Protein backbone atom coordinates (compact mmCIF):
# COMPACT_ATOMS: atom_id res chain seq x y z
CA UNK A 1 5.32 20.75 12.47
CA UNK A 2 3.19 22.53 9.88
CA UNK A 3 2.41 20.95 6.72
CA UNK A 4 0.77 23.94 5.06
CA UNK A 5 2.19 24.95 1.84
CA UNK A 6 3.87 21.73 1.17
CA UNK A 7 3.44 19.90 -1.97
CA UNK A 8 2.43 15.95 -1.83
CA UNK A 9 2.09 13.65 -4.93
CA UNK A 10 -0.16 10.61 -4.10
CA UNK A 11 -0.67 7.83 -6.54
CA UNK A 12 -3.63 5.54 -6.23
CA UNK A 13 -5.58 8.51 -4.93
CA UNK A 14 -9.04 8.01 -6.43
CA UNK A 15 -10.27 5.75 -3.53
CA UNK A 16 -9.33 3.84 -0.35
CA UNK A 17 -6.12 4.87 1.60
CA UNK A 18 -5.08 7.40 -1.36
CA UNK A 19 -8.45 9.35 -1.23
CA UNK A 20 -8.52 9.35 2.50
CA UNK A 21 -4.93 10.68 2.68
CA UNK A 22 -5.67 13.47 0.13
CA UNK A 23 -8.56 14.58 2.34
CA UNK A 24 -6.43 14.76 5.54
CA UNK A 25 -3.50 16.44 3.72
CA UNK A 26 -5.79 18.99 2.26
CA UNK A 27 -7.24 19.78 5.63
CA UNK A 28 -3.67 20.56 6.66
CA UNK A 29 -3.23 23.07 3.60
CA UNK A 30 -0.93 20.80 1.61
CA UNK A 31 -0.88 21.31 -2.20
CA UNK A 32 -1.81 18.05 -3.88
CA UNK A 33 -0.84 16.12 -7.21
CA UNK A 34 -3.24 13.42 -7.27
CA UNK A 35 -3.04 10.47 -9.74
CA UNK A 36 -5.06 7.46 -10.47
CA UNK A 37 -6.42 5.66 -13.60
CA UNK A 38 -10.25 6.26 -12.79
CA UNK A 39 -10.90 9.77 -13.93
CA UNK A 40 -14.31 10.35 -12.49
CA UNK A 41 -13.47 9.08 -8.89
CA UNK A 42 -10.29 10.97 -8.98
CA UNK A 43 -11.94 14.20 -10.12
CA UNK A 44 -14.20 13.95 -7.01
CA UNK A 45 -11.33 13.63 -4.59
CA UNK A 46 -9.88 16.58 -6.27
CA UNK A 47 -13.01 18.60 -5.92
CA UNK A 48 -13.14 17.88 -2.05
CA UNK A 49 -9.47 19.17 -1.78
CA UNK A 50 -10.30 22.37 -3.94
CA UNK A 51 -13.36 22.94 -1.66
CA UNK A 52 -10.89 23.46 1.29
CA UNK A 53 -8.87 26.16 -0.55
CA UNK A 54 -6.15 23.93 -1.70
CA UNK A 55 -4.53 24.13 -5.03
CA UNK A 56 -4.81 20.71 -6.68
CA UNK A 57 -3.32 18.86 -9.96
CA UNK A 58 -5.43 15.75 -10.93
CA UNK A 59 -3.92 13.61 -13.57
CA UNK A 60 -5.22 10.38 -15.07
CA UNK A 61 -2.09 8.23 -14.91
CA UNK A 62 -0.96 4.69 -15.20
CA UNK A 63 2.14 4.56 -13.00
CA UNK A 64 3.14 1.01 -14.51
CA UNK A 65 4.06 3.10 -17.72
CA UNK A 66 7.44 4.91 -17.15
CA UNK A 67 6.72 7.98 -19.21
CA UNK A 68 3.26 8.58 -17.41
CA UNK A 69 4.93 8.36 -13.92
CA UNK A 70 7.69 10.54 -14.86
CA UNK A 71 5.31 13.15 -16.47
CA UNK A 72 3.24 13.21 -13.25
CA UNK A 73 6.35 14.04 -11.19
CA UNK A 74 7.46 16.67 -13.83
CA UNK A 75 4.16 18.22 -14.07
CA UNK A 76 3.90 18.68 -10.22
CA UNK A 77 6.94 20.53 -10.02
CA UNK A 78 6.07 22.77 -13.17
CA UNK A 79 2.74 23.54 -11.39
CA UNK A 80 3.86 24.13 -7.65
CA UNK A 81 7.82 24.48 -8.10
CA UNK A 82 8.72 21.84 -5.79
CA UNK A 83 7.96 18.29 -4.49
CA UNK A 84 8.00 17.50 -0.75
CA UNK A 85 6.12 14.44 -0.36
CA UNK A 86 5.73 11.32 -2.71
CA UNK A 87 3.45 8.77 -1.52
CA UNK A 88 3.38 5.62 -3.64
CA UNK A 89 0.21 4.25 -2.66
CA UNK A 90 -0.97 2.53 -6.18
CA UNK A 91 -1.40 -1.18 -5.78
CA UNK A 92 -3.27 -4.28 -6.52
CA UNK A 93 -3.55 -7.74 -5.45
CA UNK A 94 -4.53 -11.12 -7.03
CA UNK A 95 -6.29 -14.60 -6.17
CA UNK A 96 -4.48 -17.49 -7.16
CA UNK A 97 -2.50 -20.57 -5.96
CA UNK A 98 1.07 -20.55 -7.05
CA UNK A 99 0.51 -23.24 -9.72
CA UNK A 100 -2.39 -21.02 -11.10
CA UNK A 101 -0.54 -17.73 -11.19
CA UNK A 102 0.33 -16.83 -14.92
CA UNK A 103 3.34 -15.07 -16.17
CA UNK A 104 0.96 -12.14 -17.25
CA UNK A 105 -0.22 -11.94 -13.48
CA UNK A 106 3.13 -11.90 -12.07
CA UNK A 107 4.25 -9.26 -14.45
CA UNK A 108 1.26 -7.14 -13.49
CA UNK A 109 1.68 -7.60 -9.70
CA UNK A 110 5.40 -6.46 -9.97
CA UNK A 111 4.60 -3.56 -12.40
CA UNK A 112 2.19 -1.79 -10.35
CA UNK A 113 3.50 -2.73 -6.89
CA UNK A 114 7.29 -2.71 -7.51
CA UNK A 115 8.48 -1.34 -11.05
CA UNK A 116 6.18 1.89 -10.33
CA UNK A 117 8.32 2.77 -7.30
CA UNK A 118 11.33 3.43 -9.46
CA UNK A 119 9.32 5.37 -12.32
CA UNK A 120 8.11 7.90 -9.76
CA UNK A 121 11.09 8.01 -7.25
CA UNK A 122 13.80 8.31 -9.57
CA UNK A 123 12.43 11.75 -11.20
CA UNK A 124 11.33 12.78 -7.69
CA UNK A 125 14.73 12.36 -6.16
CA UNK A 126 16.28 14.60 -8.74
CA UNK A 127 14.12 17.50 -7.50
CA UNK A 128 14.33 16.47 -3.95
CA UNK A 129 18.13 16.58 -4.06
CA UNK A 130 18.29 20.09 -5.31
CA UNK A 131 15.87 21.00 -2.43
CA UNK A 132 17.82 19.23 0.05
CA UNK A 133 14.65 17.82 1.63
CA UNK A 134 11.77 15.49 0.84
CA UNK A 135 9.98 12.43 1.89
CA UNK A 136 9.21 9.26 -0.02
CA UNK A 137 6.52 7.14 1.46
CA UNK A 138 5.85 3.50 -0.03
CA UNK A 139 2.67 1.99 1.00
CA UNK A 140 3.50 -1.88 1.14
CA UNK A 141 1.37 -4.30 3.28
CA UNK A 142 1.79 -6.89 6.02
CA UNK A 143 2.06 -9.06 2.92
CA UNK A 144 5.49 -7.34 2.47
CA UNK A 145 6.72 -9.02 5.78
CA UNK A 146 4.74 -12.27 6.12
CA UNK A 147 3.58 -15.05 3.73
CA UNK A 148 -0.06 -15.33 2.90
CA UNK A 149 -1.62 -18.21 0.83
CA UNK A 150 -3.46 -17.55 -2.77
CA UNK A 151 -1.62 -14.41 -3.67
CA UNK A 152 1.98 -15.17 -4.07
CA UNK A 153 2.92 -12.80 -6.73
CA UNK A 154 1.51 -9.85 -4.47
CA UNK A 155 3.19 -11.07 -1.57
CA UNK A 156 6.53 -11.26 -3.42
CA UNK A 157 5.99 -7.86 -5.09
CA UNK A 158 5.11 -6.18 -1.48
CA UNK A 159 8.37 -7.69 0.01
CA UNK A 160 10.12 -6.02 -2.90
CA UNK A 161 8.57 -2.88 -2.04
CA UNK A 162 9.99 -3.23 1.64
CA UNK A 163 13.50 -3.97 0.27
CA UNK A 164 13.33 -1.24 -2.17
CA UNK A 165 12.61 1.13 0.58
CA UNK A 166 15.19 -0.16 3.05
CA UNK A 167 17.87 0.25 0.24
CA UNK A 168 16.63 3.74 -0.56
CA UNK A 169 17.00 4.96 2.98
CA UNK A 170 20.62 3.97 3.18
CA UNK A 171 21.30 5.75 0.00
CA UNK A 172 19.50 8.83 1.34
CA UNK A 173 21.19 8.79 4.67
CA UNK A 174 22.01 12.16 5.97
CA UNK A 175 20.88 13.96 2.74
CA UNK A 176 17.79 15.57 4.48
CA UNK A 177 15.50 13.15 2.37
CA UNK A 178 13.53 10.52 4.28
CA UNK A 179 12.16 7.18 3.14
CA UNK A 180 9.53 5.07 4.89
CA UNK A 181 7.43 2.12 4.20
CA UNK A 182 3.82 1.60 5.52
CA UNK A 183 2.74 -2.05 6.29
CA UNK A 184 -1.03 -2.17 6.88
CA UNK A 185 -2.86 -5.40 7.57
CA UNK A 186 -6.65 -5.59 6.40
CA UNK A 187 -8.11 -2.36 5.45
CA UNK A 188 -11.57 -1.57 4.65
CA UNK A 189 -11.37 -0.60 0.88
CA UNK A 190 -12.47 -2.01 -2.40
CA UNK A 191 -8.99 -3.62 -2.99
CA UNK A 192 -10.28 -7.33 -2.07
CA UNK A 193 -13.09 -6.79 -4.51
CA UNK A 194 -10.91 -5.68 -7.39
CA UNK A 195 -8.07 -8.42 -7.18
CA UNK A 196 -7.01 -10.03 -10.57
CA UNK A 197 -8.26 -13.68 -10.98
CA UNK A 198 -11.47 -12.81 -9.10
CA UNK A 199 -12.39 -10.89 -6.01
CA UNK A 200 -10.56 -12.15 -2.77
CA UNK A 201 -13.43 -10.87 -0.70
CA UNK A 202 -15.26 -13.97 -0.49
CA UNK A 203 -12.07 -15.90 0.37
CA UNK A 204 -11.81 -13.53 3.58
CA UNK A 205 -15.53 -13.39 4.32
CA UNK A 206 -16.34 -16.86 3.95
CA UNK A 207 -13.31 -18.43 5.88
CA UNK A 208 -13.79 -16.27 9.08
CA UNK A 209 -16.03 -18.74 10.73
CA UNK A 210 -14.04 -21.87 9.56
CA UNK A 211 -10.91 -20.25 10.90
CA UNK A 212 -12.26 -19.83 14.40
CA UNK A 213 -13.84 -23.26 14.46
CA UNK A 214 -10.37 -25.01 13.39
CA UNK A 215 -8.56 -22.77 16.08
CA UNK A 216 -11.02 -23.89 18.73
CA UNK A 217 -10.94 -27.52 17.71
CA UNK A 218 -7.24 -27.35 18.02
CA UNK A 219 -7.22 -25.25 21.13
CA UNK A 220 -4.76 -22.93 19.13
CA UNK A 221 -4.69 -19.20 19.41
CA UNK A 222 -4.78 -17.07 16.16
CA UNK A 223 -2.22 -14.44 15.07
CA UNK A 224 -2.35 -11.83 17.84
CA UNK A 225 -2.93 -8.80 15.25
CA UNK A 226 -5.84 -6.49 15.37
CA UNK A 227 -8.42 -7.03 12.45
CA UNK A 228 -9.45 -4.85 9.62
CA UNK A 229 -9.26 -1.10 10.10
CA UNK A 230 -10.65 2.00 8.26
CA UNK A 231 -8.56 3.58 5.46
CA UNK A 232 -8.78 6.80 7.46
CA UNK A 233 -6.72 5.17 10.22
CA UNK A 234 -4.06 4.46 7.74
CA UNK A 235 -4.16 7.84 6.29
CA UNK A 236 -3.69 9.57 9.92
CA UNK A 237 -0.67 7.22 10.60
CA UNK A 238 0.94 8.30 7.19
CA UNK A 239 0.44 11.97 7.98
CA UNK A 240 1.98 11.35 11.40
CA UNK A 241 4.95 9.83 9.58
CA UNK A 242 5.05 12.86 7.49
CA UNK A 243 5.50 14.95 10.38
CA UNK A 244 7.79 12.52 12.37
CA UNK A 245 9.62 10.42 9.86
CA UNK A 246 10.18 6.70 10.79
CA UNK A 247 11.58 3.67 8.76
CA UNK A 248 8.45 1.64 9.15
CA UNK A 249 4.92 2.15 9.90
CA UNK A 250 2.55 -0.56 11.26
CA UNK A 251 -1.04 0.14 11.81
CA UNK A 252 -2.76 -2.94 13.59
CA UNK A 253 -2.04 -3.64 17.23
CA UNK A 254 0.37 -6.60 17.36
CA UNK A 255 1.56 -6.29 14.02
CA UNK A 256 4.95 -5.22 14.53
CA UNK A 257 5.40 -7.65 17.15
CA UNK A 258 4.30 -10.54 15.08
CA UNK A 259 6.54 -9.34 12.38
CA UNK A 260 9.27 -9.60 14.76
CA UNK A 261 8.30 -13.02 15.92
CA UNK A 262 8.23 -14.18 12.27
CA UNK A 263 11.73 -12.95 11.66
CA UNK A 264 13.17 -14.60 14.85
CA UNK A 265 11.02 -17.84 14.88
CA UNK A 266 9.31 -18.19 11.53
CA UNK A 267 8.07 -21.75 12.31
CA UNK A 268 6.41 -20.53 15.43
CA UNK A 269 4.73 -17.61 13.70
CA UNK A 270 3.70 -20.04 11.07
CA UNK A 271 1.96 -22.17 13.43
CA UNK A 272 -0.14 -19.33 14.54
CA UNK A 273 -1.15 -18.89 10.81
CA UNK A 274 -2.41 -22.69 10.20
CA UNK A 275 -5.90 -22.22 11.08
CA UNK A 276 -5.98 -19.27 8.80
CA UNK A 277 -4.28 -21.25 6.03
CA UNK A 278 -6.68 -24.23 6.44
CA UNK A 279 -9.80 -22.19 6.50
CA UNK A 280 -8.79 -20.29 3.61
CA UNK A 281 -7.87 -23.30 1.56
CA UNK A 282 -11.22 -24.84 2.27
CA UNK A 283 -13.01 -21.81 0.72
CA UNK A 284 -10.60 -21.30 -2.10
CA UNK A 285 -10.87 -24.90 -3.27
CA UNK A 286 -14.77 -24.41 -3.29
CA UNK A 287 -14.53 -21.33 -5.15
CA UNK A 288 -12.26 -23.01 -7.64
CA UNK A 289 -14.89 -25.81 -8.04
CA UNK A 290 -17.42 -23.28 -8.89
CA UNK A 291 -15.48 -21.75 -11.75
CA UNK A 292 -15.32 -25.39 -13.41
């Protein structure tokens, strides 16, 4: 299936998965509408696409604000005449226990990871229904399928993203419009360095040796899921989903199987996670003490 000449909107396009996806779709000849809050970084991604001969619309945009998100969609159609692919990739996490998660953080997590889905999808659907075709791809996370400690609002918001996509798929059944959700595990981006409440990166990096030691001490296996992958690999899987639409996209080996296990035997799946929880808890409490 050729993608050349199609039009794609990508939110959160200035770095990470969004930037990699822009590069790969540009190589396919896809016309791009790129949106992010960081203008300089966004402009660099746009320049790379234009260097491939691709027509690009780059908009500084905060998708948590409905008028801005709607304008992005309308400007895309105004420039290109249609919208074939909408990738809701913008997202952000946070660091904090349930007790320490403020109302403000909860609002921020749902604004960018959940509310924004409606703000872009509603206007995009109006155009896609007229065309009789289109594809909406929402980038969630394994956090949309499993529980993880110390970022409960993000986990809840990504679960909402998955549920939103499932409902959307049923509404769009047999209309010629597809909806898919992408559930990556750990990805090498700046996401963990820019979480609200402080960077999560130290939590992950410092807990690694502890987790392995706890698992060895207990003679316990860790979750059978592949580790951190490059953003380019996630982007390639999204491009493949554009070519051959599916309901859910998993990136890491073993991740789909672990999600199935969790749905069928949650307590068993949680036992796999206990060394991870204990290792991260120790590091989190030390990080918390340092802030005092």
